[in-house]
Amino acid sequence: MTSRLPHLAVLLTGLLVVSACSKQAPAPAETAAPAAPATTTETAPAPAATTPAETAAAPAAPAPAATATPPEGPAPVAGTDYIEIAGGQPYEPTGGKIEVVEVFGYTCPHCAHFEPLVDAWKAKQPADVKFVAMAAPFGGYWIPYAKAFYTAQALGVLDKSHQAVFSAIHVDHTLPVQPLPTNEQIAAFYAQYGADPKQFASTMSSFAIDAKLKRATQFISRSGVDGTPSIVVNGKYKVIGKGFEDMLRITDHLVAQERAKAAGAAPAPAGG
């Protein structure tokens, strides 16, 4: 699939400092696709058009990196670069791996800009890192798309549709935010990626999906997450950061710290 989101990320990531969508954020319909300055957009390459047929195949998952890359920059400082979560626990059983949870929302424009960076970061991680994407069910327009995420995950169409949902909301505006979309509207969209629309709509209303929303809400609450995108490492640390790339740099350090603790050794020195 050729996504238009990387083009937006290139234009906008440098302009975003500490950007996040909060629980009380206004409807993304008003702010969903912020424009870059005119001098930038005039020279930006036109995004390639895509069709559902081109996006039907799921992208192949990259193989884990053979070794961990040493983190760059200075070691993060508690209270400045991250917050320690009292009594924090991972979201899922980790099997000895280091869990990195990204709390996001499809309706959050900053999450759309962050996603290409997260994808590139994931591709560099070794097998001892377990990445978990978590759709935040903050309420209002967050809820139907959180349900859509967990439903797509349950029905096996998440990999094929994940980036496409961001594009449909923030670039093409083919998925609505307000008024709230119905289950049937969302299901019709996912039908382009192999889902049975009736099954998708009914699953969105199921007890199993409600349970996933409740479990995500519990994790978000105990982790002190009040906006997206947010990163939580091993349930112990909520990353702060001064921007998207800084968030990932701090995450690298915290992952290395947890790896060293598990090995009973001192953390690897920062590179550069």
C-alpha atoms as a PDB file:
ATOM      1  CA  MET A   1       0.000   0.000   0.000  1.00  0.00           C
ATOM      2  CA  THR A   2       1.216   3.483  -0.806  1.00  0.00           C
ATOM      3  CA  SER A   3       0.229   5.667   2.112  1.00  0.00           C
ATOM      4  CA  ARG A   4      -0.015   9.427   2.010  1.00  0.00           C
ATOM      5  CA  LEU A   5       0.815   9.679   5.695  1.00  0.00           C
ATOM      6  CA  PRO A   6       4.606   9.545   5.310  1.00  0.00           C
ATOM      7  CA  HIS A   7       4.357  12.664   3.108  1.00  0.00           C
ATOM      8  CA  LEU A   8       2.474  14.441   5.872  1.00  0.00           C
ATOM      9  CA  ALA A   9       4.983  13.247   8.427  1.00  0.00           C
ATOM     10  CA  VAL A  10       7.908  14.639   6.452  1.00  0.00           C
ATOM     11  CA  LEU A  11       6.196  18.012   6.174  1.00  0.00           C
ATOM     12  CA  LEU A  12       4.876  18.266   9.683  1.00  0.00           C
ATOM     13  CA  THR A  13       7.021  16.321  12.120  1.00  0.00           C
ATOM     14  CA  GLY A  14       9.600  19.073  12.215  1.00  0.00           C
ATOM     15  CA  LEU A  15       6.890  21.579  13.113  1.00  0.00           C
ATOM     16  CA  LEU A  16       5.472  19.567  15.988  1.00  0.00           C
ATOM     17  CA  VAL A  17       7.034  20.008  19.399  1.00  0.00           C
ATOM     18  CA  VAL A  18       5.160  18.288  22.230  1.00  0.00           C
ATOM     19  CA  SER A  19       1.982  17.539  20.322  1.00  0.00           C
ATOM     20  CA  ALA A  20      -0.741  15.324  21.657  1.00  0.00           C
ATOM     21  CA  CYS A  21      -4.468  14.801  21.505  1.00  0.00           C
ATOM     22  CA  SER A  22      -6.054  14.905  24.954  1.00  0.00           C
ATOM     23  CA  LYS A  23      -9.269  13.383  26.205  1.00  0.00           C
ATOM     24  CA  GLN A  24     -10.846  16.809  25.964  1.00  0.00           C
ATOM     25  CA  ALA A  25      -9.491  17.607  22.486  1.00  0.00           C
ATOM     26  CA  PRO A  26     -11.906  19.219  20.010  1.00  0.00           C
ATOM     27  CA  ALA A  27     -13.278  17.075  17.232  1.00  0.00           C
ATOM     28  CA  PRO A  28     -10.538  16.119  14.767  1.00  0.00           C
ATOM     29  CA  ALA A  29     -12.823  17.162  11.934  1.00  0.00           C
ATOM     30  CA  GLU A  30     -11.712  20.715  12.742  1.00  0.00           C
ATOM     31  CA  THR A  31      -7.979  19.972  13.045  1.00  0.00           C
ATOM     32  CA  ALA A  32      -7.455  16.614  11.378  1.00  0.00           C
ATOM     33  CA  ALA A  33      -5.121  17.528   8.527  1.00  0.00           C
ATOM     34  CA  PRO A  34      -3.185  20.649   9.556  1.00  0.00           C
ATOM     35  CA  ALA A  35      -1.551  22.330   6.591  1.00  0.00           C
ATOM     36  CA  ALA A  36       2.155  23.014   6.397  1.00  0.00           C
ATOM     37  CA  PRO A  37       3.276  26.543   5.449  1.00  0.00           C
ATOM     38  CA  ALA A  38       2.437  27.518   1.878  1.00  0.00           C
ATOM     39  CA  THR A  39       6.070  27.520   0.787  1.00  0.00           C
ATOM     40  CA  THR A  40       6.320  23.884   1.861  1.00  0.00           C
ATOM     41  CA  THR A  41       3.084  22.542   0.426  1.00  0.00           C
ATOM     42  CA  GLU A  42       3.711  24.175  -2.938  1.00  0.00           C
ATOM     43  CA  THR A  43       6.870  22.128  -3.412  1.00  0.00           C
ATOM     44  CA  ALA A  44       5.639  18.914  -1.833  1.00  0.00           C
ATOM     45  CA  PRO A  45       5.258  15.967  -4.248  1.00  0.00           C
ATOM     46  CA  ALA A  46       1.706  14.984  -5.024  1.00  0.00           C
ATOM     47  CA  PRO A  47       0.700  11.825  -3.117  1.00  0.00           C
ATOM     48  CA  ALA A  48       0.082   8.776  -5.246  1.00  0.00           C
ATOM     49  CA  ALA A  49      -3.496   7.625  -5.554  1.00  0.00           C
ATOM     50  CA  THR A  50      -4.366   4.228  -4.148  1.00  0.00           C
ATOM     51  CA  THR A  51      -7.248   1.853  -4.533  1.00  0.00           C
ATOM     52  CA  PRO A  52      -8.532  -0.823  -2.145  1.00  0.00           C
ATOM     53  CA  ALA A  53      -7.168  -3.469  -4.495  1.00  0.00           C
ATOM     54  CA  GLU A  54      -3.655  -2.083  -4.041  1.00  0.00           C
ATOM     55  CA  THR A  55      -3.960  -2.179  -0.258  1.00  0.00           C
ATOM     56  CA  ALA A  56      -5.571  -5.586   0.063  1.00  0.00           C
ATOM     57  CA  ALA A  57      -2.384  -7.530   0.770  1.00  0.00           C
ATOM     58  CA  ALA A  58      -0.970  -7.280   4.272  1.00  0.00           C
ATOM     59  CA  PRO A  59       2.611  -5.950   4.418  1.00  0.00           C
ATOM     60  CA  ALA A  60       5.157  -8.554   5.353  1.00  0.00           C
ATOM     61  CA  ALA A  61       6.255  -8.186   8.957  1.00  0.00           C
ATOM     62  CA  PRO A  62       9.950  -7.271   9.136  1.00  0.00           C
ATOM     63  CA  ALA A  63      12.225  -9.778  10.815  1.00  0.00           C
ATOM     64  CA  PRO A  64      13.480  -8.686  14.257  1.00  0.00           C
ATOM     65  CA  ALA A  65      16.879  -7.045  14.323  1.00  0.00           C
ATOM     66  CA  ALA A  66      19.682  -9.453  15.184  1.00  0.00           C
ATOM     67  CA  THR A  67      21.095  -7.210  17.919  1.00  0.00           C
ATOM     68  CA  ALA A  68      19.972  -4.180  19.848  1.00  0.00           C
ATOM     69  CA  THR A  69      21.249  -0.808  18.664  1.00  0.00           C
ATOM     70  CA  PRO A  70      22.793   1.214  21.509  1.00  0.00           C
ATOM     71  CA  PRO A  71      20.605   4.197  22.399  1.00  0.00           C
ATOM     72  CA  GLU A  72      21.723   7.635  21.299  1.00  0.00           C
ATOM     73  CA  GLY A  73      22.086  10.834  23.254  1.00  0.00           C
ATOM     74  CA  PRO A  74      22.231  11.433  27.002  1.00  0.00           C
ATOM     75  CA  ALA A  75      20.542   9.121  29.454  1.00  0.00           C
ATOM     76  CA  PRO A  76      16.971  10.227  30.216  1.00  0.00           C
ATOM     77  CA  VAL A  77      16.156  11.866  33.529  1.00  0.00           C
ATOM     78  CA  ALA A  78      13.244  10.714  35.686  1.00  0.00           C
ATOM     79  CA  GLY A  79      10.649  13.440  36.071  1.00  0.00           C
ATOM     80  CA  THR A  80      11.923  15.278  33.007  1.00  0.00           C
ATOM     81  CA  ASP A  81      12.089  12.696  30.226  1.00  0.00           C
ATOM     82  CA  TYR A  82       9.851  10.055  31.747  1.00  0.00           C
ATOM     83  CA  ILE A  83       7.627   9.416  34.739  1.00  0.00           C
ATOM     84  CA  GLU A  84       7.991   6.329  36.908  1.00  0.00           C
ATOM     85  CA  ILE A  85       4.634   4.599  37.351  1.00  0.00           C
ATOM     86  CA  ALA A  86       4.148   3.472  40.940  1.00  0.00           C
ATOM     87  CA  GLY A  87       3.305  -0.221  40.989  1.00  0.00           C
ATOM     88  CA  GLY A  88       3.162  -0.282  37.194  1.00  0.00           C
ATOM     89  CA  GLN A  89       2.613  -3.587  35.423  1.00  0.00           C
ATOM     90  CA  PRO A  90       2.833  -4.578  31.745  1.00  0.00           C
ATOM     91  CA  TYR A  91      -0.404  -4.662  29.807  1.00  0.00           C
ATOM     92  CA  GLU A  92       0.029  -8.282  28.679  1.00  0.00           C
ATOM     93  CA  PRO A  93       2.160 -11.248  29.755  1.00  0.00           C
ATOM     94  CA  THR A  94       5.532 -10.488  28.217  1.00  0.00           C
ATOM     95  CA  GLY A  95       7.193 -13.913  28.212  1.00  0.00           C
ATOM     96  CA  GLY A  96      10.385 -12.248  29.377  1.00  0.00           C
ATOM     97  CA  LYS A  97      10.273  -9.597  26.683  1.00  0.00           C
ATOM     98  CA  ILE A  98      10.329  -5.832  27.176  1.00  0.00           C
ATOM     99  CA  GLU A  99       6.893  -4.407  26.485  1.00  0.00           C
ATOM    100  CA  VAL A 100       6.506  -1.093  24.692  1.00  0.00           C
ATOM    101  CA  VAL A 101       2.901   0.140  24.518  1.00  0.00           C
ATOM    102  CA  GLU A 102       1.913   2.927  22.159  1.00  0.00           C
ATOM    103  CA  VAL A 103      -1.396   4.467  23.237  1.00  0.00           C
ATOM    104  CA  PHE A 104      -2.933   6.104  20.175  1.00  0.00           C
ATOM    105  CA  GLY A 105      -6.199   7.152  18.600  1.00  0.00           C
ATOM    106  CA  TYR A 106      -7.168   6.945  14.951  1.00  0.00           C
ATOM    107  CA  THR A 107      -8.917  10.314  15.264  1.00  0.00           C
ATOM    108  CA  CYS A 108      -5.776  12.003  16.653  1.00  0.00           C
ATOM    109  CA  PRO A 109      -3.883  13.856  13.898  1.00  0.00           C
ATOM    110  CA  HIS A 110      -0.663  13.730  15.912  1.00  0.00           C
ATOM    111  CA  CYS A 111      -0.917   9.932  16.031  1.00  0.00           C
ATOM    112  CA  ALA A 112      -1.237   9.923  12.243  1.00  0.00           C
ATOM    113  CA  HIS A 113       1.988  11.932  11.994  1.00  0.00           C
ATOM    114  CA  PHE A 114       3.730   9.728  14.574  1.00  0.00           C
ATOM    115  CA  GLU A 115       2.798   6.413  12.939  1.00  0.00           C
ATOM    116  CA  PRO A 116       5.492   6.337  10.209  1.00  0.00           C
ATOM    117  CA  LEU A 117       8.156   7.041  12.836  1.00  0.00           C
ATOM    118  CA  VAL A 118       6.813   4.255  15.047  1.00  0.00           C
ATOM    119  CA  ASP A 119       6.834   1.835  12.110  1.00  0.00           C
ATOM    120  CA  ALA A 120      10.468   2.642  11.367  1.00  0.00           C
ATOM    121  CA  TRP A 121      11.350   2.276  15.055  1.00  0.00           C
ATOM    122  CA  LYS A 122       9.630  -1.114  15.329  1.00  0.00           C
ATOM    123  CA  ALA A 123      11.583  -2.432  12.357  1.00  0.00           C
ATOM    124  CA  LYS A 124      14.850  -1.854  14.242  1.00  0.00           C
ATOM    125  CA  GLN A 125      13.886  -3.726  17.418  1.00  0.00           C
ATOM    126  CA  PRO A 126      15.356  -7.119  18.331  1.00  0.00           C
ATOM    127  CA  ALA A 127      13.245 -10.105  19.324  1.00  0.00           C
ATOM    128  CA  ASP A 128      13.284  -9.247  23.033  1.00  0.00           C
ATOM    129  CA  VAL A 129      11.048  -6.190  22.479  1.00  0.00           C
ATOM    130  CA  LYS A 130       7.283  -6.694  22.405  1.00  0.00           C
ATOM    131  CA  PHE A 131       5.437  -3.786  20.796  1.00  0.00           C
ATOM    132  CA  VAL A 132       1.742  -3.329  21.621  1.00  0.00           C
ATOM    133  CA  ALA A 133      -0.482  -0.778  19.898  1.00  0.00           C
ATOM    134  CA  MET A 134      -3.385   0.283  22.122  1.00  0.00           C
ATOM    135  CA  ALA A 135      -6.349   2.293  20.865  1.00  0.00           C
ATOM    136  CA  ALA A 136      -7.471   4.701  23.579  1.00  0.00           C
ATOM    137  CA  PRO A 137     -11.230   4.578  24.323  1.00  0.00           C
ATOM    138  CA  PHE A 138     -11.363   8.068  25.854  1.00  0.00           C
ATOM    139  CA  GLY A 139     -15.023   8.601  24.979  1.00  0.00           C
ATOM    140  CA  GLY A 140     -17.038  10.325  22.251  1.00  0.00           C
ATOM    141  CA  TYR A 141     -15.497   9.974  18.792  1.00  0.00           C
ATOM    142  CA  TRP A 142     -12.618   7.920  20.248  1.00  0.00           C
ATOM    143  CA  ILE A 143     -14.928   4.990  21.018  1.00  0.00           C
ATOM    144  CA  PRO A 144     -16.111   3.773  17.583  1.00  0.00           C
ATOM    145  CA  TYR A 145     -12.592   3.795  16.195  1.00  0.00           C
ATOM    146  CA  ALA A 146     -11.159   2.089  19.269  1.00  0.00           C
ATOM    147  CA  LYS A 147     -13.790  -0.607  18.754  1.00  0.00           C
ATOM    148  CA  ALA A 148     -12.841  -0.774  15.089  1.00  0.00           C
ATOM    149  CA  PHE A 149      -9.171  -1.289  15.975  1.00  0.00           C
ATOM    150  CA  TYR A 150      -9.821  -4.152  18.387  1.00  0.00           C
ATOM    151  CA  THR A 151     -12.353  -5.708  16.011  1.00  0.00           C
ATOM    152  CA  ALA A 152      -9.903  -5.584  13.101  1.00  0.00           C
ATOM    153  CA  GLN A 153      -7.313  -7.145  15.386  1.00  0.00           C
ATOM    154  CA  ALA A 154      -9.694  -9.922  16.413  1.00  0.00           C
ATOM    155  CA  LEU A 155     -10.740 -10.669  12.816  1.00  0.00           C
ATOM    156  CA  GLY A 156      -7.214 -10.657  11.399  1.00  0.00           C
ATOM    157  CA  VAL A 157      -7.458  -7.602   9.137  1.00  0.00           C
ATOM    158  CA  LEU A 158      -5.542  -5.087  11.260  1.00  0.00           C
ATOM    159  CA  ASP A 159      -2.242  -5.205   9.375  1.00  0.00           C
ATOM    160  CA  LYS A 160      -3.982  -4.622   6.053  1.00  0.00           C
ATOM    161  CA  SER A 161      -6.139  -1.755   7.275  1.00  0.00           C
ATOM    162  CA  HIS A 162      -4.251   0.098  10.015  1.00  0.00           C
ATOM    163  CA  GLN A 163      -2.570   2.797   7.922  1.00  0.00           C
ATOM    164  CA  ALA A 164      -5.615   3.033   5.666  1.00  0.00           C
ATOM    165  CA  VAL A 165      -7.836   4.110   8.572  1.00  0.00           C
ATOM    166  CA  PHE A 166      -5.513   7.022   9.358  1.00  0.00           C
ATOM    167  CA  SER A 167      -5.584   8.052   5.699  1.00  0.00           C
ATOM    168  CA  ALA A 168      -9.359   7.716   5.436  1.00  0.00           C
ATOM    169  CA  ILE A 169      -9.897   9.997   8.453  1.00  0.00           C
ATOM    170  CA  HIS A 170      -7.150  12.584   8.028  1.00  0.00           C
ATOM    171  CA  VAL A 171      -6.317  12.668   4.318  1.00  0.00           C
ATOM    172  CA  ASP A 172      -9.245  11.438   2.241  1.00  0.00           C
ATOM    173  CA  HIS A 173     -11.987  12.244   4.779  1.00  0.00           C
ATOM    174  CA  THR A 174     -13.911   9.148   3.695  1.00  0.00           C
ATOM    175  CA  LEU A 175     -14.470   8.022   7.281  1.00  0.00           C
ATOM    176  CA  PRO A 176     -16.509  10.440   9.428  1.00  0.00           C
ATOM    177  CA  VAL A 177     -15.752  11.692  12.911  1.00  0.00           C
ATOM    178  CA  GLN A 178     -18.790  13.841  13.613  1.00  0.00           C
ATOM    179  CA  PRO A 179     -21.540  12.828  13.568  1.00  0.00           C
ATOM    180  CA  LEU A 180     -20.245   9.600  15.037  1.00  0.00           C
ATOM    181  CA  PRO A 181     -19.970   6.798  12.478  1.00  0.00           C
ATOM    182  CA  THR A 182     -22.204   3.778  12.824  1.00  0.00           C
ATOM    183  CA  ASN A 183     -20.840   0.262  13.118  1.00  0.00           C
ATOM    184  CA  GLU A 184     -22.189  -0.393   9.635  1.00  0.00           C
ATOM    185  CA  GLN A 185     -20.320   2.570   8.136  1.00  0.00           C
ATOM    186  CA  ILE A 186     -17.065   1.426   9.662  1.00  0.00           C
ATOM    187  CA  ALA A 187     -17.702  -2.188   8.688  1.00  0.00           C
ATOM    188  CA  ALA A 188     -18.267  -1.166   5.056  1.00  0.00           C
ATOM    189  CA  PHE A 189     -14.828   0.441   5.067  1.00  0.00           C
ATOM    190  CA  TYR A 190     -13.155  -2.687   6.468  1.00  0.00           C
ATOM    191  CA  ALA A 191     -14.893  -4.817   3.840  1.00  0.00           C
ATOM    192  CA  GLN A 192     -12.322  -3.382   1.400  1.00  0.00           C
ATOM    193  CA  TYR A 193      -9.644  -5.213   3.384  1.00  0.00           C
ATOM    194  CA  GLY A 194     -11.238  -8.635   3.557  1.00  0.00           C
ATOM    195  CA  ALA A 195     -13.645  -8.328   6.493  1.00  0.00           C
ATOM    196  CA  ASP A 196     -17.211  -9.581   6.307  1.00  0.00           C
ATOM    197  CA  PRO A 197     -19.204  -6.390   6.969  1.00  0.00           C
ATOM    198  CA  LYS A 198     -21.984  -8.074   8.948  1.00  0.00           C
ATOM    199  CA  GLN A 199     -19.526  -9.979  11.105  1.00  0.00           C
ATOM    200  CA  PHE A 200     -17.424  -6.850  11.616  1.00  0.00           C
ATOM    201  CA  ALA A 201     -20.401  -4.714  12.691  1.00  0.00           C
ATOM    202  CA  SER A 202     -21.698  -7.344  15.097  1.00  0.00           C
ATOM    203  CA  THR A 203     -18.250  -7.962  16.575  1.00  0.00           C
ATOM    204  CA  MET A 204     -17.864  -4.237  17.277  1.00  0.00           C
ATOM    205  CA  SER A 205     -20.887  -4.522  19.600  1.00  0.00           C
ATOM    206  CA  SER A 206     -19.758  -7.754  21.244  1.00  0.00           C
ATOM    207  CA  PHE A 207     -18.907  -8.396  24.879  1.00  0.00           C
ATOM    208  CA  ALA A 208     -15.368  -9.371  23.830  1.00  0.00           C
ATOM    209  CA  ILE A 209     -14.666  -5.945  22.317  1.00  0.00           C
ATOM    210  CA  ASP A 210     -16.220  -4.155  25.297  1.00  0.00           C
ATOM    211  CA  ALA A 211     -13.897  -6.177  27.526  1.00  0.00           C
ATOM    212  CA  LYS A 212     -10.895  -5.061  25.479  1.00  0.00           C
ATOM    213  CA  LEU A 213     -11.956  -1.422  25.844  1.00  0.00           C
ATOM    214  CA  LYS A 214     -12.301  -1.818  29.607  1.00  0.00           C
ATOM    215  CA  ARG A 215      -8.910  -3.482  29.892  1.00  0.00           C
ATOM    216  CA  ALA A 216      -7.267  -0.744  27.840  1.00  0.00           C
ATOM    217  CA  THR A 217      -8.984   1.904  29.973  1.00  0.00           C
ATOM    218  CA  GLN A 218      -7.627   0.300  33.144  1.00  0.00           C
ATOM    219  CA  PHE A 219      -4.074   0.239  31.792  1.00  0.00           C
ATOM    220  CA  ILE A 220      -4.296   3.835  30.557  1.00  0.00           C
ATOM    221  CA  SER A 221      -5.648   5.000  33.907  1.00  0.00           C
ATOM    222  CA  ARG A 222      -3.016   3.309  36.068  1.00  0.00           C
ATOM    223  CA  SER A 223      -0.264   4.493  33.704  1.00  0.00           C
ATOM    224  CA  GLY A 224      -1.362   8.121  33.970  1.00  0.00           C
ATOM    225  CA  VAL A 225      -1.856   8.492  30.227  1.00  0.00           C
ATOM    226  CA  ASP A 226      -4.103  11.441  29.407  1.00  0.00           C
ATOM    227  CA  GLY A 227      -3.248  12.066  25.763  1.00  0.00           C
ATOM    228  CA  THR A 228      -2.043  10.466  22.566  1.00  0.00           C
ATOM    229  CA  PRO A 229       0.377   9.454  21.269  1.00  0.00           C
ATOM    230  CA  SER A 230       1.923   8.130  24.494  1.00  0.00           C
ATOM    231  CA  ILE A 231       4.487   5.414  25.130  1.00  0.00           C
ATOM    232  CA  VAL A 232       4.702   3.223  28.231  1.00  0.00           C
ATOM    233  CA  VAL A 233       7.720   0.940  28.707  1.00  0.00           C
ATOM    234  CA  ASN A 234       7.212  -2.335  30.588  1.00  0.00           C
ATOM    235  CA  GLY A 235       4.308  -0.774  32.458  1.00  0.00           C
ATOM    236  CA  LYS A 236       6.877   1.108  34.559  1.00  0.00           C
ATOM    237  CA  TYR A 237       7.697   4.288  32.673  1.00  0.00           C
ATOM    238  CA  LYS A 238       5.577   6.829  30.822  1.00  0.00           C
ATOM    239  CA  VAL A 239       7.705   8.619  28.258  1.00  0.00           C
ATOM    240  CA  ILE A 240       7.497  12.408  28.092  1.00  0.00           C
ATOM    241  CA  GLY A 241       9.955  13.730  25.517  1.00  0.00           C
ATOM    242  CA  LYS A 242      10.162  17.062  23.690  1.00  0.00           C
ATOM    243  CA  GLY A 243       8.876  15.738  20.383  1.00  0.00           C
ATOM    244  CA  PHE A 244       8.219  12.513  18.504  1.00  0.00           C
ATOM    245  CA  GLU A 245      11.845  11.610  17.765  1.00  0.00           C
ATOM    246  CA  ASP A 246      12.827  12.473  21.335  1.00  0.00           C
ATOM    247  CA  MET A 247      10.079  10.172  22.641  1.00  0.00           C
ATOM    248  CA  LEU A 248      11.559   7.288  20.673  1.00  0.00           C
ATOM    249  CA  ARG A 249      15.096   8.155  21.800  1.00  0.00           C
ATOM    250  CA  ILE A 250      13.988   8.047  25.430  1.00  0.00           C
ATOM    251  CA  THR A 251      12.148   4.792  24.757  1.00  0.00           C
ATOM    252  CA  ASP A 252      15.392   3.279  23.415  1.00  0.00           C
ATOM    253  CA  HIS A 253      17.173   4.193  26.640  1.00  0.00           C
ATOM    254  CA  LEU A 254      14.431   2.771  28.850  1.00  0.00           C
ATOM    255  CA  VAL A 255      14.336  -0.451  26.821  1.00  0.00           C
ATOM    256  CA  ALA A 256      18.117  -0.769  27.171  1.00  0.00           C
ATOM    257  CA  GLN A 257      17.772  -0.128  30.901  1.00  0.00           C
ATOM    258  CA  GLU A 258      15.183  -2.889  31.266  1.00  0.00           C
ATOM    259  CA  ARG A 259      17.315  -5.231  29.146  1.00  0.00           C
ATOM    260  CA  ALA A 260      20.311  -4.603  31.367  1.00  0.00           C
ATOM    261  CA  LYS A 261      18.265  -5.201  34.509  1.00  0.00           C
ATOM    262  CA  ALA A 262      17.036  -8.529  33.135  1.00  0.00           C
ATOM    263  CA  ALA A 263      20.616  -9.521  32.337  1.00  0.00           C
ATOM    264  CA  GLY A 264      21.903  -8.298  35.694  1.00  0.00           C
ATOM    265  CA  ALA A 265      24.312  -5.900  34.015  1.00  0.00           C
ATOM    266  CA  ALA A 266      24.855  -2.179  33.744  1.00  0.00           C
ATOM    267  CA  PRO A 267      22.993  -0.438  30.892  1.00  0.00           C
ATOM    268  CA  ALA A 268      24.900  -0.146  27.619  1.00  0.00           C
ATOM    269  CA  PRO A 269      26.575   3.256  27.122  1.00  0.00           C
ATOM    270  CA  ALA A 270      24.739   5.695  24.920  1.00  0.00           C
ATOM    271  CA  GLY A 271      25.968   5.987  21.369  1.00  0.00           C
ATOM    272  CA  GLY A 272      26.771   9.466  20.092  1.00  0.00           C
END
